[in-house]
Amino acid sequence: TIISVDGDTVTVKTQSAIKNTELSFKLGEEFDETTADDRKVKSIVKIEDGKMVHVQKWDGKETSLVREVDGDKLTLTLTIGEVVSKRHYEKAV
């Protein structure tokens, strides 16, 4: 995951063996997003307590993705309903 900021636009690039995605948005503004699994969702991203909080809504459902940086490590916590998943990343050298 690569996160960059240019003015008031944030870009999040995710690379995987299955699919690469790129998402650009302005903090606090709702936007239309097509997810990696091709869902059409309404999203909003905010910074809360030093964490990037990304909420996706579609078909009466809601997913949250919380990204937290600690040094060279990034933890991504995904939540939908009562299901929680965590991914841990380390910065490439």
Protein backbone atom coordinates (compact mmCIF):
# COMPACT_ATOMS: atom_id res chain seq x y z
CA THR A 1 0.00 0.00 0.00
CA ILE A 2 1.36 3.40 -1.02
CA ILE A 3 -0.29 6.53 0.38
CA SER A 4 0.61 9.94 -1.06
CA VAL A 5 -0.72 13.48 -0.68
CA ASP A 6 -0.74 16.20 -3.36
CA GLY A 7 -2.34 19.39 -2.08
CA ASP A 8 -5.73 18.34 -0.70
CA THR A 9 -5.91 15.10 -2.72
CA VAL A 10 -4.92 11.79 -1.13
CA THR A 11 -4.03 8.79 -3.31
CA VAL A 12 -3.94 5.21 -2.03
CA LYS A 13 -2.34 2.61 -4.30
CA THR A 14 -2.66 -1.05 -3.41
CA GLN A 15 -0.69 -3.75 -5.21
CA SER A 16 -1.35 -7.48 -4.98
CA ALA A 17 -0.89 -10.61 -7.04
CA ILE A 18 -4.61 -10.53 -7.87
CA LYS A 19 -5.34 -6.88 -8.67
CA ASN A 20 -3.79 -3.43 -8.34
CA THR A 21 -6.02 -0.51 -7.36
CA GLU A 22 -5.62 3.25 -7.15
CA LEU A 23 -8.00 5.54 -5.29
CA SER A 24 -7.86 9.36 -5.14
CA PHE A 25 -10.07 11.47 -2.87
CA LYS A 26 -10.30 14.54 -0.65
CA LEU A 27 -10.52 14.00 3.10
CA GLY A 28 -14.01 14.44 4.52
CA GLU A 29 -15.76 14.48 1.12
CA GLU A 30 -18.02 11.63 -0.01
CA PHE A 31 -17.05 10.05 -3.34
CA ASP A 32 -18.04 7.14 -5.59
CA GLU A 33 -15.68 4.18 -5.45
CA THR A 34 -15.41 0.91 -7.35
CA THR A 35 -13.76 -1.58 -5.01
CA ALA A 36 -11.20 -4.25 -5.92
CA ASP A 37 -14.07 -6.78 -6.02
CA ASP A 38 -16.06 -4.44 -8.33
CA ARG A 39 -18.65 -3.22 -5.79
CA LYS A 40 -20.02 0.29 -6.40
CA VAL A 41 -19.94 2.09 -3.04
CA LYS A 42 -20.21 5.56 -1.52
CA SER A 43 -17.06 6.28 0.47
CA ILE A 44 -15.72 8.89 2.84
CA VAL A 45 -12.24 9.05 4.38
CA LYS A 46 -11.33 11.05 7.48
CA ILE A 47 -8.40 11.30 9.85
CA GLU A 48 -9.44 10.37 13.41
CA ASP A 49 -6.96 10.06 16.30
CA GLY A 50 -4.06 9.87 13.83
CA LYS A 51 -5.68 7.03 11.87
CA MET A 52 -7.06 7.07 8.32
CA VAL A 53 -10.69 5.91 8.63
CA HIS A 54 -12.34 4.86 5.34
CA VAL A 55 -16.06 4.00 5.40
CA GLN A 56 -17.78 2.34 2.43
CA LYS A 57 -21.59 2.09 2.16
CA TRP A 58 -23.62 0.05 -0.32
CA ASP A 59 -26.91 -1.87 -0.37
CA GLY A 60 -27.61 -1.07 3.30
CA LYS A 61 -24.20 -2.46 4.34
CA GLU A 62 -21.13 -0.71 5.71
CA THR A 63 -17.44 -1.58 5.71
CA SER A 64 -14.75 0.30 7.59
CA LEU A 65 -11.04 0.23 6.77
CA VAL A 66 -8.80 1.80 9.40
CA ARG A 67 -5.14 2.39 8.50
CA GLU A 68 -2.70 3.11 11.30
CA VAL A 69 1.01 3.84 10.84
CA ASP A 70 3.55 3.04 13.57
CA GLY A 71 7.10 3.73 12.43
CA ASP A 72 7.75 1.56 9.36
CA LYS A 73 4.62 -0.53 9.92
CA LEU A 74 1.06 -0.10 8.67
CA THR A 75 -1.87 -1.97 10.19
CA LEU A 76 -5.10 -2.17 8.19
CA THR A 77 -8.19 -3.22 10.16
CA LEU A 78 -11.22 -4.13 8.03
CA THR A 79 -14.64 -4.48 9.67
CA ILE A 80 -18.01 -5.50 8.25
CA GLY A 81 -20.68 -6.26 10.81
CA GLU A 82 -19.09 -8.43 13.47
CA VAL A 83 -16.32 -9.73 11.18
CA VAL A 84 -12.88 -8.13 11.72
CA SER A 85 -9.72 -8.76 9.70
CA LYS A 86 -6.25 -7.28 10.19
CA ARG A 87 -3.42 -6.95 7.69
CA HIS A 88 0.07 -5.94 8.68
CA TYR A 89 2.53 -4.29 6.29
CA GLU A 90 6.18 -3.30 6.65
CA LYS A 91 7.78 -0.52 4.64
CA ALA A 92 9.99 -1.82 1.84
CA VAL A 93 13.63 -0.83 2.03
